[in-house]
Protein backbone atom coordinates (compact mmCIF):
# COMPACT_ATOMS: atom_id res chain seq x y z
CA MET A 1 -3.97 27.01 0.56
CA PHE A 2 -6.11 26.34 -2.48
CA ARG A 3 -4.74 26.99 -5.94
CA ARG A 4 -5.88 26.49 -9.49
CA ARG A 5 -3.98 23.61 -11.04
CA ALA A 6 -2.96 23.33 -14.66
CA LYS A 7 -3.66 20.00 -16.25
CA GLY A 8 -0.74 17.66 -15.49
CA GLU A 9 0.34 14.05 -15.52
CA ASP A 10 -0.73 12.44 -12.24
CA ALA A 11 -2.89 9.65 -10.82
CA VAL A 12 -6.13 11.25 -11.96
CA GLU A 13 -5.14 13.29 -15.02
CA GLN A 14 -6.46 10.93 -17.71
CA LEU A 15 -9.87 10.32 -16.17
CA ASP A 16 -11.42 13.07 -18.31
CA GLU A 17 -10.66 11.12 -21.51
CA LEU A 18 -13.75 8.95 -21.20
CA VAL A 19 -17.19 9.62 -22.65
CA ASP A 20 -20.57 9.71 -20.91
CA ALA A 21 -22.14 6.42 -19.86
CA ASP A 22 -25.73 5.72 -20.95
CA SER A 23 -28.43 3.41 -19.65
CA GLU A 24 -28.14 0.41 -21.99
CA GLU A 25 -27.26 -3.06 -20.63
CA ILE A 26 -23.64 -4.17 -20.38
CA ALA A 27 -22.44 -5.16 -23.83
CA GLY A 28 -21.90 -8.85 -24.27
CA ALA A 29 -23.48 -9.96 -20.98
CA THR A 30 -25.06 -13.37 -20.85
CA SER A 31 -28.68 -13.80 -19.77
CA GLU A 32 -27.51 -15.33 -16.48
CA GLU A 33 -25.26 -12.33 -15.81
CA GLU A 34 -28.14 -10.00 -16.63
CA ASP A 35 -30.43 -11.79 -14.17
CA ASP A 36 -27.81 -11.53 -11.43
CA ALA A 37 -27.29 -7.84 -12.17
CA ASP A 38 -31.03 -7.15 -12.16
CA GLU A 39 -31.23 -8.49 -8.62
CA ARG A 40 -28.89 -5.70 -7.52
CA VAL A 41 -30.71 -2.83 -9.26
CA GLY A 42 -33.24 -0.65 -7.47
CA LEU A 43 -32.44 -2.01 -4.02
CA PRO A 44 -33.22 0.13 -0.97
CA PRO A 45 -30.28 2.02 0.55
CA ALA A 46 -28.00 -0.60 2.08
CA PRO A 47 -27.12 -0.68 5.79
CA ARG A 48 -24.04 1.46 6.40
CA PRO A 49 -22.72 0.55 9.86
CA ASP A 50 -19.18 1.47 8.80
CA GLY A 51 -20.08 4.45 6.57
CA PRO A 52 -20.29 6.49 4.47
CA PHE A 53 -22.58 8.45 6.77
CA ASP A 54 -25.41 10.90 6.58
CA PHE A 55 -24.87 14.16 8.47
CA SER A 56 -27.71 13.23 10.83
CA GLU A 57 -25.92 10.03 11.86
CA VAL A 58 -22.65 11.47 13.14
CA GLU A 59 -21.99 13.60 16.22
CA ASP A 60 -19.40 16.35 15.66
CA ALA A 61 -19.34 15.42 11.97
CA LYS A 62 -17.09 18.35 11.08
CA GLU A 63 -14.36 17.36 13.53
CA GLY A 64 -11.36 16.03 11.62
CA ARG A 65 -13.04 16.59 8.26
CA VAL A 66 -12.71 19.27 5.57
CA ASP A 67 -16.04 21.07 5.24
CA LEU A 68 -16.97 21.23 1.56
CA GLY A 69 -20.65 21.90 2.15
CA GLY A 70 -22.29 18.87 0.60
CA LEU A 71 -19.41 16.61 1.68
CA LEU A 72 -17.33 16.44 4.83
CA VAL A 73 -14.11 14.74 3.75
CA PRO A 74 -11.74 13.24 6.34
CA GLY A 75 -8.29 14.78 6.46
CA VAL A 76 -5.29 12.52 5.90
CA GLU A 77 -1.70 13.54 6.60
CA GLY A 78 0.16 14.26 3.38
CA MET A 79 -2.93 14.49 1.22
CA GLU A 80 -3.66 16.96 -1.56
CA LEU A 81 -7.34 17.85 -1.85
CA ARG A 82 -8.64 19.05 -5.21
CA VAL A 83 -12.10 20.44 -5.65
CA GLU A 84 -13.33 20.20 -9.22
CA VAL A 85 -15.15 23.13 -10.72
CA ALA A 86 -17.76 23.01 -13.49
CA GLY A 87 -19.07 26.40 -14.47
CA ASP A 88 -19.87 28.24 -11.25
CA SER A 89 -20.33 25.07 -9.20
CA ILE A 90 -17.98 22.73 -7.36
CA VAL A 91 -19.19 19.22 -8.15
CA ALA A 92 -16.52 16.81 -6.91
CA ALA A 93 -13.56 16.47 -4.58
CA THR A 94 -10.46 14.41 -5.25
CA LEU A 95 -8.07 13.35 -2.50
CA VAL A 96 -4.57 12.58 -3.81
CA LEU A 97 -2.22 10.64 -1.57
CA GLY A 98 1.14 9.69 -3.04
CA ASN A 99 0.55 7.88 -6.34
CA SER A 100 -3.12 7.17 -5.62
CA ALA A 101 -6.32 9.17 -5.64
CA ILE A 102 -10.03 8.91 -4.91
CA GLN A 103 -12.61 11.19 -6.49
CA LEU A 104 -15.77 11.71 -4.43
CA GLN A 105 -19.08 12.95 -5.79
CA ALA A 106 -22.54 12.87 -4.23
CA PHE A 107 -25.93 12.89 -5.96
CA ALA A 108 -29.53 13.10 -4.88
CA ALA A 109 -31.44 9.80 -4.93
CA PRO A 110 -35.02 8.58 -4.39
CA ARG A 111 -36.14 8.14 -0.81
CA SER A 112 -37.22 4.50 -1.18
CA GLU A 113 -34.60 2.91 -3.43
CA GLY A 114 -30.94 3.20 -4.31
CA ILE A 115 -29.43 3.96 -7.72
CA TRP A 116 -25.92 2.46 -7.45
CA GLY A 117 -26.89 -0.78 -9.19
CA GLU A 118 -28.31 1.13 -12.15
CA VAL A 119 -25.36 3.52 -12.26
CA ARG A 120 -22.87 0.64 -12.28
CA LYS A 121 -24.51 -0.78 -15.39
CA GLU A 122 -24.38 2.60 -17.11
CA ILE A 123 -20.70 3.13 -16.29
CA ALA A 124 -19.86 -0.40 -17.45
CA ASP A 125 -21.71 0.11 -20.71
CA GLY A 126 -19.92 3.38 -21.44
CA ILE A 127 -16.49 1.86 -20.84
CA THR A 128 -17.11 -1.32 -22.83
CA GLN A 129 -18.37 0.76 -25.76
CA GLN A 130 -14.94 2.41 -25.84
CA GLY A 131 -13.16 -0.91 -25.98
CA GLY A 132 -12.43 -1.14 -22.27
CA ALA A 133 -13.08 -4.08 -19.99
CA ILE A 134 -15.10 -4.34 -16.78
CA ASP A 135 -15.11 -6.79 -13.88
CA GLU A 136 -17.87 -6.49 -11.29
CA GLU A 137 -16.65 -7.34 -7.81
CA GLU A 138 -17.99 -7.57 -4.30
CA THR A 139 -15.67 -6.05 -1.69
CA GLU A 140 -15.85 -4.74 1.86
CA LEU A 141 -17.29 -1.56 0.33
CA GLY A 142 -20.06 -3.55 -1.40
CA TRP A 143 -20.51 -4.10 -5.13
CA GLY A 144 -18.13 -2.18 -7.35
CA LEU A 145 -16.38 -2.18 -10.71
CA ARG A 146 -12.77 -2.76 -11.66
CA ALA A 147 -12.18 -1.21 -15.08
CA ARG A 148 -9.43 -1.25 -17.68
CA VAL A 149 -9.93 1.96 -19.60
CA PRO A 150 -8.27 2.80 -22.95
CA VAL A 151 -6.43 6.15 -22.76
CA GLN A 152 -3.93 8.10 -24.80
CA LEU A 153 -0.48 8.24 -23.21
CA PRO A 154 1.60 11.45 -23.12
CA ASP A 155 3.66 10.26 -26.10
CA GLY A 156 0.49 9.79 -28.17
CA THR A 157 0.41 6.02 -28.04
CA ALA A 158 -2.55 3.98 -26.80
CA GLY A 159 -2.52 2.66 -23.27
CA VAL A 160 -4.76 1.31 -20.54
CA GLN A 161 -5.62 2.86 -17.18
CA LEU A 162 -6.89 0.79 -14.26
CA VAL A 163 -9.72 2.40 -12.28
CA ARG A 164 -12.00 1.17 -9.49
CA PHE A 165 -15.55 2.43 -8.96
CA VAL A 166 -17.18 2.17 -5.54
CA GLY A 167 -20.57 3.44 -4.48
CA CYS A 168 -23.01 3.61 -1.62
CA ASP A 169 -26.73 4.40 -1.44
CA GLY A 170 -27.71 6.50 1.56
CA PRO A 171 -30.91 8.20 2.71
CA ARG A 172 -31.94 10.28 -0.34
CA TRP A 173 -28.36 10.41 -1.61
CA PHE A 174 -25.78 8.35 -3.46
CA LEU A 175 -22.00 8.65 -3.01
CA ARG A 176 -19.63 7.49 -5.72
CA GLY A 177 -15.88 7.04 -5.42
CA VAL A 178 -13.41 6.61 -8.28
CA ILE A 179 -10.09 5.13 -7.16
CA SER A 180 -7.13 5.54 -9.51
CA GLY A 181 -3.38 5.24 -9.52
CA GLN A 182 -1.49 2.65 -7.49
CA ALA A 183 -4.52 1.96 -5.27
CA ALA A 184 -6.47 0.79 -8.34
CA MET A 185 -3.77 -1.73 -9.18
CA GLN A 186 -2.72 -2.98 -5.75
CA ASP A 187 -5.35 -3.76 -3.13
CA ASP A 188 -2.90 -3.33 -0.26
CA ALA A 189 -2.38 0.30 -1.35
CA ALA A 190 -6.11 1.08 -1.34
CA GLY A 191 -6.79 0.78 2.38
CA VAL A 192 -6.41 4.46 3.27
CA LEU A 193 -8.56 5.64 0.36
CA GLU A 194 -11.23 3.06 1.13
CA GLN A 195 -11.28 4.36 4.70
CA VAL A 196 -11.67 7.91 3.38
CA PHE A 197 -14.72 6.74 1.45
CA ARG A 198 -16.19 5.09 4.55
CA GLU A 199 -15.59 8.12 6.79
CA THR A 200 -16.99 10.68 4.35
CA VAL A 201 -20.17 12.39 5.53
CA VAL A 202 -22.84 13.49 3.03
CA VAL A 203 -24.81 16.67 3.73
CA ARG A 204 -27.71 16.51 1.30
CA GLY A 205 -29.95 19.12 2.90
CA GLU A 206 -33.72 19.03 3.13
CA GLY A 207 -34.59 20.87 -0.08
CA PRO A 208 -36.20 19.09 -3.05
CA MET A 209 -33.78 17.65 -5.60
CA ALA A 210 -34.36 15.52 -8.66
CA PRO A 211 -32.72 12.07 -8.55
CA ARG A 212 -29.15 12.21 -9.88
CA ASP A 213 -28.81 15.94 -9.38
CA PRO A 214 -25.27 16.53 -8.09
CA ILE A 215 -25.02 17.73 -4.51
CA VAL A 216 -23.09 20.96 -4.96
CA LEU A 217 -19.97 21.56 -2.89
CA ARG A 218 -18.25 24.74 -1.74
CA LEU A 219 -14.81 25.86 -0.64
CA PRO A 220 -14.03 26.12 3.06
CA GLU A 221 -14.58 29.62 4.40
CA ASP A 222 -10.86 30.18 5.07
CA ALA A 223 -9.67 28.85 1.70
CA GLN A 224 -7.26 31.00 -0.28
CA MET A 225 -7.11 30.61 -4.05
CA VAL A 226 -3.99 31.34 -6.09
CA PRO A 227 -4.13 31.05 -9.91
CA ASP A 228 -1.61 28.56 -11.25
CA GLY A 229 -1.44 27.75 -14.95
CA MET A 230 -4.04 27.78 -17.69
CA PRO A 231 -7.62 26.85 -16.75
CA GLN A 232 -9.03 23.63 -18.10
CA GLN A 233 -12.08 23.46 -20.29
CA GLN A 234 -15.23 24.01 -18.28
CA GLY A 235 -18.48 22.16 -18.64
CA ARG A 236 -20.81 20.81 -16.02
CA PRO A 237 -21.69 17.12 -16.28
CA GLY A 238 -25.34 16.58 -17.04
CA ALA A 239 -27.39 15.30 -14.12
CA ASP A 240 -28.64 12.41 -16.24
CA ASP A 241 -25.18 11.45 -17.46
CA LEU A 242 -23.52 10.79 -14.11
CA ASN A 243 -20.27 11.11 -16.07
CA PRO A 244 -17.49 10.57 -13.52
CA PHE A 245 -14.78 11.88 -15.82
CA GLU A 246 -15.81 15.20 -17.34
CA ARG A 247 -13.95 17.82 -15.35
CA GLY A 248 -13.47 21.55 -15.28
CA PRO A 249 -10.75 23.65 -13.61
CA GLU A 250 -9.42 22.26 -10.35
CA ILE A 251 -8.35 23.90 -7.13
CA THR A 252 -6.02 22.08 -4.80
CA GLU A 253 -5.14 22.14 -1.14
CA VAL A 254 -1.98 20.55 0.22
CA ARG A 255 -2.07 19.34 3.83
């Protein structure tokens, strides 16, 4: 069952405290770091033998996955699946498992080159401008970011939230994952969510889309929605912002 969720304190609740990232270079980077980063910008979509996958690459892609239209998200026992609404559109899905979560969002991308390298620099710049800290890392999921983000705690004091950003360039699409909660702090707790990212299938469609346009999602046909609490502030992230944190009302499914 899907239900609207009032804003609460959980693994992903404070993600909407951040501002949009822009396209300037990472603050404080050395020239050597800039050269290394430039080598990873504008690369063609990387090989994806272990996923994430394009819909055309997987037989029976809907088997074992929740059909959200633009994304087919693997089901995990005990998970809570939240689809995030901005205006009239569903633009992201967040899988919550215990004290960890991964937010998934797909965007259109150029046919000949990927955008994850450029997006990483924009996210890093936005976080460092707020006084946060960024470490770029290479993992089994490819290049990503490990961020320490300043947030306001429930008691009003200043705190820090640890977040991991992962991404993958596919054929004419880009998939971004934001890992938060325990899985962002302890690598041994991130395995299931990393596997969710790998096994996600992107359904871009054949229609024309501008680069960075979000691939819109939809609720499953048999979903039932039950209002629960006050709606959150709505507002669709701009296609050029690629803001991973600005969220509208959420609908959740418990499995």
